[in-house]
Amino acid sequence: MNVPARLFSSLFWAAFLLPIISGVVLTLLPAFGWLPVLNQQQLGWHIWQQLFIQPSFWAASGLTWWSGWLATLASLFIAALLLQYGFAQQRFALLSRWLSAMLAVPHAAYALGLFALLAATGWPARIWALGSGEQLPPQIALTQDPYGLSLALTLALREVPFLLLMALAAFRTLNLAPLLRQARLLGYGEPQAFWPVVVPQLLPVLRWPIMVVLAYNLGVVDVALITGPSLPPTLAVMVHQWFVDPDLTMRLVAAAGGIWLTLMIMLACALWWGIEKLIIAICMTRQWPRQTFGFAWLAKLSSILLLTAWLLGAAWLLFWAFARRWRFPDLWPEQWQLRSWLRTSSDWWPALVDTLVVGVASATLALVLVIGLLEGVGQLKRWQRPLLFVPLILPQVGFLFFVPGMLARIGIGYGYGAAITLHLLFVLPYSYLLLERAYLSLNLQYEQHALLLSKSRWRALWRVKWPLLAPAFASVFAVGFSVSVAQYLATLYASAGRIETITTLTVSAAGGGDRRLIAVFALLQWLLPFLVFLVMAWVSHWRSRWQRA
């Protein structure tokens, strides 16, 4: 390994692992009573005793476990239905074309759109009122229910596009065609061959993505603040509230709560590993009937539900962002205006600038580090790949809070530096996984011929290899930017009030009752990653046309 390769490899792992390791250690110590800055230096189990007697702690833990598993299993069921009935063969063409756009929407913006749609004044309630002649909204709460059903529904619908994209990527690497041909010879159609043939091959490849989804559903904060119950809230929300409590000694209890949530997620991942083995064993040993079960209509209904929730949620936010007067049960506003945008411009404009600065810097640094790693070292070793999923599986309340203080001690103060550092933890894994796939699919003969002709590795990279990878670079940058935009706790803990992004502004506005204000902020958060994807697609298209010319 030459010096530049060693340098990029060291920078990659330093930027990635050091904040995680320090965050876990700095959370473990207060969880056992060690926080010298608050004059707490007695190690022991007394903090855990305080944790277990906190009001609603056990109810919050049970709610978290229930809603997280329900959301994960529901998203897996919908994704399996779509895959079973031909999603990989583009039979759901409309949904597949919009999959990347759906995935680009931040969780908080999607949750707000669905929350407004299912509220007592949403379109379903308005349509019901018009049909029944009612003039007042129904007194039925479909959101923030005490059982976490609306939270689970939001998370399930939001995670299906991610699982589908991961499954489609796995289909490109798995050689399923010979097995499906043998199944057809035995009289099985593609839907019937899905469980005994495809699932045993697919589940091991999707193990880590499914664990990421499960961990996110158990540890999410911003979506739970918007659509989850409040009495009690989920455990992640409760721990976050303890961290920001005016009583600073509650930070020790919060640290113990973060470790408890981490243990819950580790247990959930271990359980899923066992469930995966059980599903594979059942699929391979059971005698599956050759006829279909008639679930094709359910797959079509699921695809319609996914698209409808996404489009109507965006439309609802768009209407409220420009509505001046919208009475119940009218289906659209009577009057339109720009007053909401002008009145809140002093709030959203600085937040928009901060979002762009942090997002562009995080996506660019991640792209540079990943390119340097792939060019210098190549693919990660098999034992290194699971390390990429560590920040995606650990709950953010379990290791993030104390990291900015550590960064301040080494000269990276609260604000942009700390925010970019924390955002990198979540941008780097996606950037590496996407760019590695592009590098593997590139024909190595192009680079070899360029080296023979130019006799310079740098010229071969600049003139041949990297221009061929330019569309992949643009796609990775767009994904990294959208991941950065979606970060809530990483921005909140790193900024200490010095910067505010569109996401933190949106989640804080969600607690108020001004629909127009919420719609303006959520629409900005919805559109920002989408516009970056469009710009990167245009740049990639222009680059391809320029190369052909």
Protein backbone atom coordinates (compact mmCIF):
# COMPACT_ATOMS: atom_id res chain seq x y z
CA MET A 1 0.00 0.00 0.00
CA ASN A 2 1.56 3.33 -1.10
CA VAL A 3 1.56 6.51 0.96
CA PRO A 4 -1.53 8.21 -0.60
CA ALA A 5 -3.52 4.98 -0.30
CA ARG A 6 -2.51 4.59 3.34
CA LEU A 7 -3.38 8.24 3.96
CA PHE A 8 -6.88 7.99 2.49
CA SER A 9 -7.53 4.71 4.28
CA SER A 10 -6.47 6.26 7.60
CA LEU A 11 -8.56 9.39 7.00
CA PHE A 12 -11.60 7.31 6.07
CA TRP A 13 -11.50 5.17 9.19
CA ALA A 14 -10.50 8.07 11.46
CA ALA A 15 -13.41 10.21 10.27
CA PHE A 16 -15.72 7.22 10.57
CA LEU A 17 -14.72 5.21 13.66
CA LEU A 18 -13.17 7.70 16.10
CA PRO A 19 -16.38 9.70 16.72
CA ILE A 20 -18.37 6.47 17.11
CA ILE A 21 -15.94 4.88 19.56
CA SER A 22 -15.54 8.07 21.58
CA GLY A 23 -19.31 8.61 21.58
CA VAL A 24 -20.01 5.11 22.91
CA VAL A 25 -17.33 5.44 25.63
CA LEU A 26 -18.49 8.94 26.62
CA THR A 27 -22.04 7.61 26.92
CA LEU A 28 -21.08 4.48 28.87
CA LEU A 29 -19.20 6.41 31.56
CA PRO A 30 -22.12 8.69 32.59
CA ALA A 31 -24.44 5.67 32.43
CA PHE A 32 -22.45 4.24 35.34
CA GLY A 33 -22.16 7.52 37.25
CA TRP A 34 -18.95 9.08 35.87
CA LEU A 35 -19.39 12.67 34.63
CA PRO A 36 -16.72 14.86 36.31
CA VAL A 37 -18.01 18.08 34.75
CA LEU A 38 -21.14 17.67 36.94
CA ASN A 39 -19.07 16.47 39.92
CA GLN A 40 -20.36 12.93 39.41
CA GLN A 41 -17.45 10.52 39.98
CA GLN A 42 -18.99 7.56 41.76
CA LEU A 43 -19.06 4.49 39.54
CA GLY A 44 -21.88 2.07 40.19
CA TRP A 45 -25.36 0.94 39.27
CA HIS A 46 -27.24 3.76 40.97
CA ILE A 47 -27.94 5.56 37.65
CA TRP A 48 -29.60 2.42 36.32
CA GLN A 49 -31.76 2.22 39.44
CA GLN A 50 -32.88 5.80 38.76
CA LEU A 51 -33.56 4.88 35.13
CA PHE A 52 -35.78 1.92 35.97
CA ILE A 53 -37.99 3.98 38.30
CA GLN A 54 -38.52 6.85 35.87
CA PRO A 55 -42.23 7.46 35.16
CA SER A 56 -43.46 5.59 32.06
CA PHE A 57 -40.01 4.12 31.36
CA TRP A 58 -41.26 0.56 30.98
CA ALA A 59 -44.31 1.68 29.01
CA ALA A 60 -42.05 3.64 26.63
CA SER A 61 -39.77 0.60 26.22
CA GLY A 62 -42.72 -1.64 25.38
CA LEU A 63 -44.16 0.92 22.96
CA THR A 64 -40.80 1.22 21.24
CA TRP A 65 -40.44 -2.55 20.90
CA TRP A 66 -44.00 -2.96 19.57
CA SER A 67 -44.00 -0.07 17.07
CA GLY A 68 -40.47 -0.80 15.80
CA TRP A 69 -41.16 -4.45 15.08
CA LEU A 70 -44.60 -3.70 13.60
CA ALA A 71 -43.16 -1.13 11.20
CA THR A 72 -40.30 -3.42 10.15
CA LEU A 73 -42.46 -6.49 9.56
CA ALA A 74 -45.08 -4.45 7.69
CA SER A 75 -42.46 -2.90 5.38
CA LEU A 76 -40.95 -6.36 4.76
CA PHE A 77 -44.38 -7.79 3.95
CA ILE A 78 -45.16 -5.04 1.43
CA ALA A 79 -41.71 -5.29 -0.16
CA ALA A 80 -42.02 -9.08 -0.40
CA LEU A 81 -45.44 -8.78 -2.05
CA LEU A 82 -44.12 -6.39 -4.68
CA LEU A 83 -41.07 -8.54 -5.36
CA GLN A 84 -43.13 -11.72 -5.52
CA TYR A 85 -45.47 -10.34 -8.14
CA GLY A 86 -42.92 -8.97 -10.52
CA PHE A 87 -41.46 -5.73 -9.20
CA ALA A 88 -37.97 -6.82 -10.30
CA GLN A 89 -39.37 -7.42 -13.82
CA GLN A 90 -40.72 -3.81 -13.97
CA ARG A 91 -44.36 -4.86 -13.75
CA PHE A 92 -44.88 -1.96 -11.40
CA ALA A 93 -43.24 0.46 -13.80
CA LEU A 94 -44.71 3.66 -12.37
CA LEU A 95 -43.62 2.82 -8.84
CA SER A 96 -40.14 1.74 -9.92
CA ARG A 97 -39.58 5.00 -11.83
CA TRP A 98 -40.39 7.06 -8.74
CA LEU A 99 -38.55 4.87 -6.26
CA SER A 100 -35.39 7.00 -6.02
CA ALA A 101 -37.44 10.18 -5.67
CA MET A 102 -39.47 8.60 -2.86
CA LEU A 103 -36.29 7.53 -1.09
CA ALA A 104 -34.82 11.04 -1.35
CA VAL A 105 -37.60 12.55 0.77
CA PRO A 106 -36.43 13.04 4.38
CA HIS A 107 -38.30 11.06 7.00
CA ALA A 108 -39.56 14.14 8.85
CA ALA A 109 -41.02 15.74 5.69
CA TYR A 110 -42.69 12.47 4.70
CA ALA A 111 -44.09 12.06 8.21
CA LEU A 112 -45.50 15.59 8.19
CA GLY A 113 -47.14 15.04 4.81
CA LEU A 114 -48.73 11.78 5.92
CA PHE A 115 -49.61 13.27 9.31
CA ALA A 116 -51.49 16.17 7.68
CA LEU A 117 -53.18 13.78 5.26
CA LEU A 118 -54.49 11.50 8.04
CA ALA A 119 -55.43 14.31 10.42
CA ALA A 120 -59.04 15.20 11.19
CA THR A 121 -58.89 17.92 8.52
CA GLY A 122 -57.12 15.85 5.86
CA TRP A 123 -58.50 14.93 2.47
CA PRO A 124 -60.06 11.60 3.54
CA ALA A 125 -61.95 13.40 6.31
CA ARG A 126 -63.01 16.17 3.91
CA ILE A 127 -64.28 13.66 1.34
CA TRP A 128 -66.22 11.85 4.06
CA ALA A 129 -67.69 15.14 5.28
CA LEU A 130 -68.79 16.14 1.79
CA GLY A 131 -70.49 12.79 1.31
CA SER A 132 -72.22 12.81 4.69
CA GLY A 133 -73.06 16.50 4.82
CA GLU A 134 -71.01 17.15 7.97
CA GLN A 135 -69.57 20.63 8.50
CA LEU A 136 -67.19 19.84 11.36
CA PRO A 137 -64.10 17.59 11.34
CA PRO A 138 -64.61 14.10 12.81
CA GLN A 139 -63.56 13.60 16.42
CA ILE A 140 -61.38 10.62 15.54
CA ALA A 141 -57.61 10.77 15.97
CA LEU A 142 -55.84 8.75 13.28
CA THR A 143 -52.45 10.19 14.24
CA GLN A 144 -50.41 10.16 17.44
CA ASP A 145 -52.55 7.31 18.77
CA PRO A 146 -51.43 5.83 22.11
CA TYR A 147 -50.62 2.46 20.52
CA GLY A 148 -48.09 3.81 18.02
CA LEU A 149 -50.04 2.55 15.01
CA SER A 150 -49.72 5.80 13.04
CA LEU A 151 -45.99 5.86 13.82
CA ALA A 152 -45.61 2.27 12.60
CA LEU A 153 -47.62 3.02 9.44
CA THR A 154 -45.46 6.07 8.63
CA LEU A 155 -42.21 4.19 9.16
CA ALA A 156 -43.41 1.13 7.21
CA LEU A 157 -44.45 3.12 4.14
CA ARG A 158 -41.26 5.17 4.26
CA GLU A 159 -38.91 2.16 4.47
CA VAL A 160 -40.43 0.10 1.64
CA PRO A 161 -38.58 2.04 -1.13
CA PHE A 162 -35.27 1.46 0.67
CA LEU A 163 -35.87 -2.29 0.95
CA LEU A 164 -36.94 -2.50 -2.70
CA LEU A 165 -33.81 -0.70 -3.89
CA MET A 166 -31.61 -2.97 -1.77
CA ALA A 167 -33.44 -6.04 -3.14
CA LEU A 168 -33.05 -4.87 -6.74
CA ALA A 169 -29.33 -4.36 -6.16
CA ALA A 170 -29.13 -7.87 -4.71
CA PHE A 171 -30.95 -9.33 -7.75
CA ARG A 172 -28.13 -8.01 -9.96
CA THR A 173 -25.55 -9.98 -8.00
CA LEU A 174 -27.52 -13.19 -7.42
CA ASN A 175 -27.61 -15.72 -10.23
CA LEU A 176 -31.28 -16.69 -9.91
CA ALA A 177 -32.06 -17.39 -13.57
CA PRO A 178 -31.01 -21.11 -13.58
CA LEU A 179 -32.98 -21.77 -10.39
CA LEU A 180 -36.10 -20.05 -11.76
CA ARG A 181 -35.83 -22.07 -15.00
CA GLN A 182 -35.75 -25.29 -12.99
CA ALA A 183 -38.77 -24.10 -10.99
CA ARG A 184 -40.69 -23.42 -14.21
CA LEU A 185 -39.86 -26.92 -15.46
CA LEU A 186 -41.42 -28.27 -12.26
CA GLY A 187 -44.59 -26.30 -12.93
CA TYR A 188 -44.00 -23.30 -10.67
CA GLY A 189 -44.66 -19.81 -11.97
CA GLU A 190 -42.58 -16.85 -10.84
CA PRO A 191 -44.91 -15.85 -7.97
CA GLN A 192 -45.02 -19.42 -6.67
CA ALA A 193 -41.24 -19.86 -6.98
CA PHE A 194 -40.55 -16.70 -4.99
CA TRP A 195 -40.61 -18.30 -1.54
CA PRO A 196 -38.77 -21.61 -2.13
CA VAL A 197 -36.26 -20.22 -4.67
CA VAL A 198 -35.74 -16.46 -4.29
CA VAL A 199 -36.22 -15.86 -0.56
CA PRO A 200 -33.48 -18.29 0.66
CA GLN A 201 -31.01 -16.54 -1.65
CA LEU A 202 -32.22 -12.98 -0.97
CA LEU A 203 -32.58 -12.83 2.81
CA PRO A 204 -28.88 -13.38 3.68
CA VAL A 205 -27.91 -10.60 1.25
CA LEU A 206 -30.49 -8.25 2.80
CA ARG A 207 -29.55 -9.10 6.39
CA TRP A 208 -27.74 -5.84 7.13
CA PRO A 209 -30.22 -3.54 5.33
CA ILE A 210 -33.10 -5.16 7.24
CA MET A 211 -31.23 -4.72 10.51
CA VAL A 212 -30.64 -1.05 9.62
CA VAL A 213 -34.39 -0.61 9.06
CA LEU A 214 -35.21 -2.39 12.32
CA ALA A 215 -32.68 -0.34 14.28
CA TYR A 216 -33.92 2.90 12.76
CA ASN A 217 -37.54 2.10 13.57
CA LEU A 218 -36.63 1.37 17.18
CA GLY A 219 -34.40 4.43 17.67
CA VAL A 220 -36.01 7.16 15.53
CA VAL A 221 -36.67 10.53 17.19
CA ASP A 222 -37.87 13.09 14.62
CA VAL A 223 -40.63 10.92 13.10
CA ALA A 224 -41.72 9.80 16.59
CA LEU A 225 -41.99 13.44 17.67
CA ILE A 226 -44.32 14.11 14.72
CA THR A 227 -46.55 11.04 14.45
CA GLY A 228 -45.83 9.08 17.63
CA PRO A 229 -47.69 9.21 20.94
CA SER A 230 -46.64 11.63 23.65
CA LEU A 231 -47.92 10.00 26.87
CA PRO A 232 -45.76 8.04 26.96
CA PRO A 233 -43.48 8.76 23.99
CA THR A 234 -41.16 6.20 22.49
CA LEU A 235 -38.00 5.47 24.44
CA ALA A 236 -35.75 7.36 22.00
CA VAL A 237 -37.87 10.50 22.41
CA MET A 238 -37.86 10.09 26.18
CA VAL A 239 -34.05 9.77 26.26
CA HIS A 240 -33.69 12.82 24.03
CA GLN A 241 -35.94 14.82 26.38
CA TRP A 242 -33.74 13.80 29.31
CA PHE A 243 -30.61 14.94 27.46
CA VAL A 244 -32.04 18.43 26.91
CA ASP A 245 -33.64 18.67 30.36
CA PRO A 246 -32.69 21.84 32.32
CA ASP A 247 -31.66 19.57 35.20
CA LEU A 248 -28.18 18.60 34.00
CA THR A 249 -28.02 15.55 36.26
CA MET A 250 -30.69 13.96 34.05
CA ARG A 251 -27.97 13.54 31.43
CA LEU A 252 -26.64 10.58 33.42
CA VAL A 253 -30.08 8.96 33.32
CA ALA A 254 -30.29 9.81 29.61
CA ALA A 255 -26.94 8.11 29.00
CA ALA A 256 -28.20 4.98 30.75
CA GLY A 257 -31.39 5.17 28.68
CA GLY A 258 -29.34 5.42 25.49
CA ILE A 259 -27.35 2.32 26.46
CA TRP A 260 -30.60 0.51 27.32
CA LEU A 261 -32.00 1.36 23.89
CA THR A 262 -28.75 0.14 22.30
CA LEU A 263 -29.14 -3.18 24.11
CA MET A 264 -32.74 -3.41 22.90
CA ILE A 265 -31.61 -2.89 19.31
CA MET A 266 -28.83 -5.47 19.65
CA LEU A 267 -31.38 -7.96 20.99
CA ALA A 268 -33.75 -7.14 18.13
CA CYS A 269 -30.99 -7.70 15.54
CA ALA A 270 -30.10 -11.04 17.15
CA LEU A 271 -33.77 -12.04 17.08
CA TRP A 272 -34.03 -11.08 13.42
CA TRP A 273 -30.99 -13.26 12.65
CA GLY A 274 -32.85 -16.17 14.19
CA ILE A 275 -36.10 -15.29 12.39
CA GLU A 276 -34.20 -15.12 9.11
CA LYS A 277 -32.83 -18.64 9.62
CA LEU A 278 -36.32 -19.87 10.48
CA ILE A 279 -37.87 -18.30 7.38
CA ILE A 280 -35.19 -19.80 5.14
CA ALA A 281 -35.66 -23.23 6.71
CA ILE A 282 -39.44 -23.06 6.21
CA CYS A 283 -39.06 -21.88 2.61
CA MET A 284 -36.67 -24.69 1.73
CA THR A 285 -38.49 -27.55 3.44
CA ARG A 286 -42.16 -26.77 2.95
CA GLN A 287 -44.02 -28.16 -0.07
CA TRP A 288 -45.35 -25.03 -1.79
CA PRO A 289 -48.48 -25.35 -3.95
CA ARG A 290 -48.13 -24.61 -7.66
CA GLN A 291 -51.17 -22.34 -7.82
CA THR A 292 -51.11 -18.68 -6.81
CA PHE A 293 -52.57 -17.52 -3.53
CA GLY A 294 -54.44 -14.62 -5.15
CA PHE A 295 -52.33 -11.90 -3.53
CA ALA A 296 -51.56 -10.13 -6.81
CA TRP A 297 -54.35 -7.63 -6.11
CA LEU A 298 -52.79 -6.91 -2.71
CA ALA A 299 -49.43 -6.18 -4.36
CA LYS A 300 -51.11 -3.75 -6.77
CA LEU A 301 -52.96 -2.14 -3.88
CA SER A 302 -49.69 -1.75 -1.96
CA SER A 303 -48.00 -0.03 -4.91
CA ILE A 304 -50.98 2.33 -5.25
CA LEU A 305 -50.88 3.04 -1.51
CA LEU A 306 -47.17 3.87 -1.60
CA LEU A 307 -47.53 6.27 -4.52
CA THR A 308 -50.74 7.82 -3.20
CA ALA A 309 -49.31 8.49 0.25
CA TRP A 310 -46.21 10.09 -1.29
CA LEU A 311 -48.00 12.23 -3.89
CA LEU A 312 -50.95 13.31 -1.75
CA GLY A 313 -48.69 14.13 1.18
CA ALA A 314 -46.60 16.39 -1.06
CA ALA A 315 -49.71 17.95 -2.58
CA TRP A 316 -51.22 18.61 0.85
CA LEU A 317 -48.08 20.43 1.99
CA LEU A 318 -47.98 22.37 -1.27
CA PHE A 319 -51.60 23.51 -0.88
CA TRP A 320 -51.18 24.61 2.73
CA ALA A 321 -47.90 26.41 1.98
CA PHE A 322 -49.72 28.75 -0.44
CA ALA A 323 -53.24 28.71 1.05
CA ARG A 324 -54.73 31.87 2.48
CA ARG A 325 -58.21 30.56 3.26
CA TRP A 326 -59.11 26.87 3.33
CA ARG A 327 -62.27 26.01 5.17
CA PHE A 328 -63.44 22.54 6.12
CA PRO A 329 -64.71 20.52 4.20
CA ASP A 330 -63.51 22.23 0.97
CA LEU A 331 -61.16 20.04 -1.06
CA TRP A 332 -58.82 22.90 -2.02
CA PRO A 333 -58.15 26.42 -0.80
CA GLU A 334 -60.47 29.27 -1.68
CA GLN A 335 -57.66 31.86 -1.80
CA TRP A 336 -53.93 31.71 -2.40
CA GLN A 337 -51.09 33.86 -1.08
CA LEU A 338 -47.31 34.15 -0.54
CA ARG A 339 -47.61 35.76 2.88
CA SER A 340 -46.52 32.58 4.71
CA TRP A 341 -43.29 32.45 2.73
CA LEU A 342 -42.52 36.13 3.15
CA ARG A 343 -43.44 36.17 6.84
CA THR A 344 -41.15 33.22 7.63
CA SER A 345 -38.29 34.07 5.25
CA SER A 346 -36.18 35.36 8.15
CA ASP A 347 -36.42 31.82 9.61
CA TRP A 348 -36.11 29.54 6.61
CA TRP A 349 -33.54 31.48 4.59
CA PRO A 350 -30.67 31.20 7.15
CA ALA A 351 -31.69 27.58 7.79
CA LEU A 352 -31.60 26.91 4.04
CA VAL A 353 -28.08 28.35 3.81
CA ASP A 354 -26.89 26.27 6.78
CA THR A 355 -28.48 23.16 5.25
CA LEU A 356 -26.69 23.73 1.95
CA VAL A 357 -23.33 24.40 3.61
CA VAL A 358 -23.43 21.31 5.82
CA GLY A 359 -25.01 19.08 3.16
CA VAL A 360 -22.65 20.02 0.34
CA ALA A 361 -19.59 19.79 2.60
CA SER A 362 -20.61 16.40 4.03
CA ALA A 363 -21.47 14.91 0.63
CA THR A 364 -18.27 16.26 -0.97
CA LEU A 365 -15.98 15.06 1.82
CA ALA A 366 -17.61 11.64 1.81
CA LEU A 367 -17.23 11.38 -1.97
CA VAL A 368 -13.54 12.35 -1.84
CA LEU A 369 -12.78 9.94 1.00
CA VAL A 370 -14.57 7.03 -0.67
CA ILE A 371 -12.89 7.67 -4.05
CA GLY A 372 -9.50 7.79 -2.34
CA LEU A 373 -10.24 4.59 -0.46
CA LEU A 374 -11.43 2.69 -3.54
CA GLU A 375 -8.55 3.91 -5.70
CA GLY A 376 -5.90 3.25 -3.07
CA VAL A 377 -7.10 0.17 -1.23
CA GLY A 378 -9.92 -1.19 -3.33
CA GLN A 379 -12.84 -3.05 -1.80
CA LEU A 380 -13.10 -3.36 1.94
CA LYS A 381 -12.31 -6.74 3.41
CA ARG A 382 -15.18 -8.95 4.46
CA TRP A 383 -14.66 -8.24 8.17
CA GLN A 384 -14.57 -4.48 7.52
CA ARG A 385 -17.91 -4.21 5.72
CA PRO A 386 -20.11 -4.71 8.83
CA LEU A 387 -18.34 -1.71 10.40
CA LEU A 388 -20.06 0.50 7.82
CA PHE A 389 -23.43 -0.31 9.35
CA VAL A 390 -22.44 0.52 12.94
CA PRO A 391 -23.64 4.18 12.95
CA LEU A 392 -26.81 3.13 11.11
CA ILE A 393 -27.65 0.45 13.69
CA LEU A 394 -26.64 2.24 16.88
CA PRO A 395 -29.38 4.60 18.14
CA GLN A 396 -28.29 8.20 17.79
CA VAL A 397 -29.31 8.96 21.37
CA GLY A 398 -26.94 6.16 22.39
CA PHE A 399 -23.68 7.77 21.25
CA LEU A 400 -24.08 11.21 19.63
CA PHE A 401 -24.76 13.61 22.49
CA PHE A 402 -21.28 13.76 24.01
CA VAL A 403 -19.32 13.68 20.72
CA PRO A 404 -19.51 17.47 20.01
CA GLY A 405 -17.96 18.17 23.43
CA MET A 406 -15.08 15.85 22.57
CA LEU A 407 -14.66 17.56 19.19
CA ALA A 408 -14.58 20.96 20.89
CA ARG A 409 -11.63 19.79 22.99
CA ILE A 410 -9.60 19.05 19.85
CA GLY A 411 -10.44 22.35 18.15
CA ILE A 412 -13.60 21.45 16.21
CA GLY A 413 -16.06 23.69 18.01
CA TYR A 414 -19.83 23.59 18.04
CA GLY A 415 -21.29 24.68 14.72
CA TYR A 416 -20.37 23.82 11.16
CA GLY A 417 -17.30 21.71 11.97
CA ALA A 418 -19.05 19.48 14.48
CA ALA A 419 -22.19 19.20 12.31
CA ILE A 420 -20.21 18.16 9.23
CA THR A 421 -18.23 15.63 11.29
CA LEU A 422 -21.38 14.03 12.70
CA HIS A 423 -23.17 14.06 9.34
CA LEU A 424 -20.19 12.25 7.80
CA LEU A 425 -20.90 9.27 10.05
CA PHE A 426 -24.18 8.68 8.24
CA VAL A 427 -23.19 9.86 4.74
CA LEU A 428 -20.05 7.73 4.42
CA PRO A 429 -21.75 4.28 4.57
CA TYR A 430 -24.24 5.09 1.80
CA SER A 431 -21.55 6.77 -0.31
CA TYR A 432 -19.23 3.78 -0.08
CA LEU A 433 -21.91 1.16 -0.78
CA LEU A 434 -23.19 3.02 -3.86
CA LEU A 435 -19.77 3.90 -5.29
CA GLU A 436 -18.35 0.43 -4.69
CA ARG A 437 -21.08 -0.99 -6.91
CA ALA A 438 -20.16 1.48 -9.68
CA TYR A 439 -16.46 0.60 -9.43
CA LEU A 440 -17.22 -3.11 -9.60
CA SER A 441 -19.39 -2.70 -12.71
CA LEU A 442 -16.73 -0.67 -14.56
CA ASN A 443 -14.78 -2.52 -17.23
CA LEU A 444 -11.14 -2.54 -16.07
CA GLN A 445 -9.87 -2.66 -19.65
CA TYR A 446 -10.64 1.05 -20.06
CA GLU A 447 -8.21 1.97 -17.29
CA GLN A 448 -5.60 -0.53 -18.47
CA HIS A 449 -5.64 0.84 -22.01
CA ALA A 450 -5.47 4.42 -20.70
CA LEU A 451 -2.44 3.52 -18.59
CA LEU A 452 -0.70 2.01 -21.59
CA LEU A 453 -1.37 5.07 -23.74
CA SER A 454 -0.73 7.84 -21.20
CA LYS A 455 1.83 6.09 -18.95
CA SER A 456 0.44 8.16 -16.08
CA ARG A 457 -2.08 6.94 -13.53
CA TRP A 458 -3.34 10.44 -12.84
CA ARG A 459 -3.97 11.14 -16.53
CA ALA A 460 -5.72 7.80 -16.89
CA LEU A 461 -7.96 8.67 -13.97
CA TRP A 462 -8.73 12.24 -15.08
CA ARG A 463 -9.19 11.55 -18.78
CA VAL A 464 -10.78 8.08 -18.85
CA LYS A 465 -11.83 6.40 -15.62
CA TRP A 466 -13.38 9.25 -13.64
CA PRO A 467 -15.30 10.68 -16.61
CA LEU A 468 -16.83 7.22 -17.08
CA LEU A 469 -17.76 7.23 -13.38
CA ALA A 470 -19.10 10.81 -13.42
CA PRO A 471 -22.78 9.71 -13.39
CA ALA A 472 -22.06 7.50 -10.37
CA PHE A 473 -20.25 10.38 -8.65
CA ALA A 474 -23.24 12.66 -9.23
CA SER A 475 -25.65 10.02 -7.90
CA VAL A 476 -23.52 9.39 -4.80
CA PHE A 477 -23.29 13.13 -4.12
CA ALA A 478 -27.07 13.49 -4.38
CA VAL A 479 -27.66 10.56 -2.03
CA GLY A 480 -25.10 11.89 0.44
CA PHE A 481 -26.71 15.33 0.36
CA SER A 482 -30.19 13.89 0.98
CA VAL A 483 -28.85 11.82 3.90
CA SER A 484 -27.29 14.96 5.37
CA VAL A 485 -30.48 16.98 4.95
CA ALA A 486 -32.45 14.34 6.87
CA GLN A 487 -30.22 14.46 9.97
CA TYR A 488 -32.02 15.85 13.01
CA LEU A 489 -30.23 14.83 16.21
CA ALA A 490 -26.79 15.07 14.61
CA THR A 491 -27.49 18.71 13.76
CA LEU A 492 -29.21 19.51 17.04
CA TYR A 493 -26.43 18.14 19.24
CA ALA A 494 -23.58 19.47 17.09
CA SER A 495 -24.85 23.01 16.64
CA ALA A 496 -25.67 23.96 20.25
CA GLY A 497 -27.99 26.59 18.79
CA ARG A 498 -25.33 28.09 16.50
CA ILE A 499 -26.79 26.72 13.27
CA GLU A 500 -30.25 25.57 12.29
CA THR A 501 -31.08 23.45 9.28
CA ILE A 502 -34.39 22.99 7.51
CA THR A 503 -34.87 19.67 9.32
CA THR A 504 -34.44 21.06 12.85
CA LEU A 505 -36.68 24.00 11.88
CA THR A 506 -39.35 21.64 10.52
CA VAL A 507 -39.42 19.34 13.55
CA SER A 508 -39.58 22.27 15.96
CA ALA A 509 -42.43 23.83 13.95
CA ALA A 510 -44.31 20.52 13.97
CA GLY A 511 -45.04 21.01 17.66
CA GLY A 512 -47.03 24.17 16.91
CA GLY A 513 -50.47 24.55 15.41
CA ASP A 514 -49.74 26.82 12.44
CA ARG A 515 -50.41 24.59 9.41
CA ARG A 516 -49.06 27.16 6.95
CA LEU A 517 -45.78 27.50 8.84
CA ILE A 518 -45.37 23.73 9.08
CA ALA A 519 -46.19 23.30 5.38
CA VAL A 520 -43.61 25.91 4.29
CA PHE A 521 -40.78 24.31 6.25
CA ALA A 522 -41.76 20.73 5.39
CA LEU A 523 -42.12 21.57 1.70
CA LEU A 524 -38.62 23.08 1.68
CA GLN A 525 -37.25 19.95 3.31
CA TRP A 526 -39.16 17.82 0.80
CA LEU A 527 -37.98 19.76 -2.26
CA LEU A 528 -34.33 20.35 -1.39
CA PRO A 529 -33.01 16.78 -1.90
CA PHE A 530 -35.36 16.31 -4.85
CA LEU A 531 -33.93 19.39 -6.61
CA VAL A 532 -30.36 18.23 -5.95
CA PHE A 533 -31.21 14.86 -7.53
CA LEU A 534 -32.60 16.69 -10.58
CA VAL A 535 -29.48 18.88 -10.86
CA MET A 536 -27.16 15.89 -10.56
CA ALA A 537 -29.19 14.00 -13.18
CA TRP A 538 -28.92 16.99 -15.51
CA VAL A 539 -25.16 17.26 -14.92
CA SER A 540 -24.75 13.55 -15.60
CA HIS A 541 -26.83 13.80 -18.79
CA TRP A 542 -24.91 16.88 -19.99
CA ARG A 543 -21.60 15.15 -19.26
CA SER A 544 -22.67 12.09 -21.30
CA ARG A 545 -23.70 14.25 -24.26
CA TRP A 546 -20.43 16.19 -24.09
CA GLN A 547 -18.42 12.93 -24.09
CA ARG A 548 -20.33 11.61 -27.12
CA ALA A 549 -19.75 14.89 -28.97
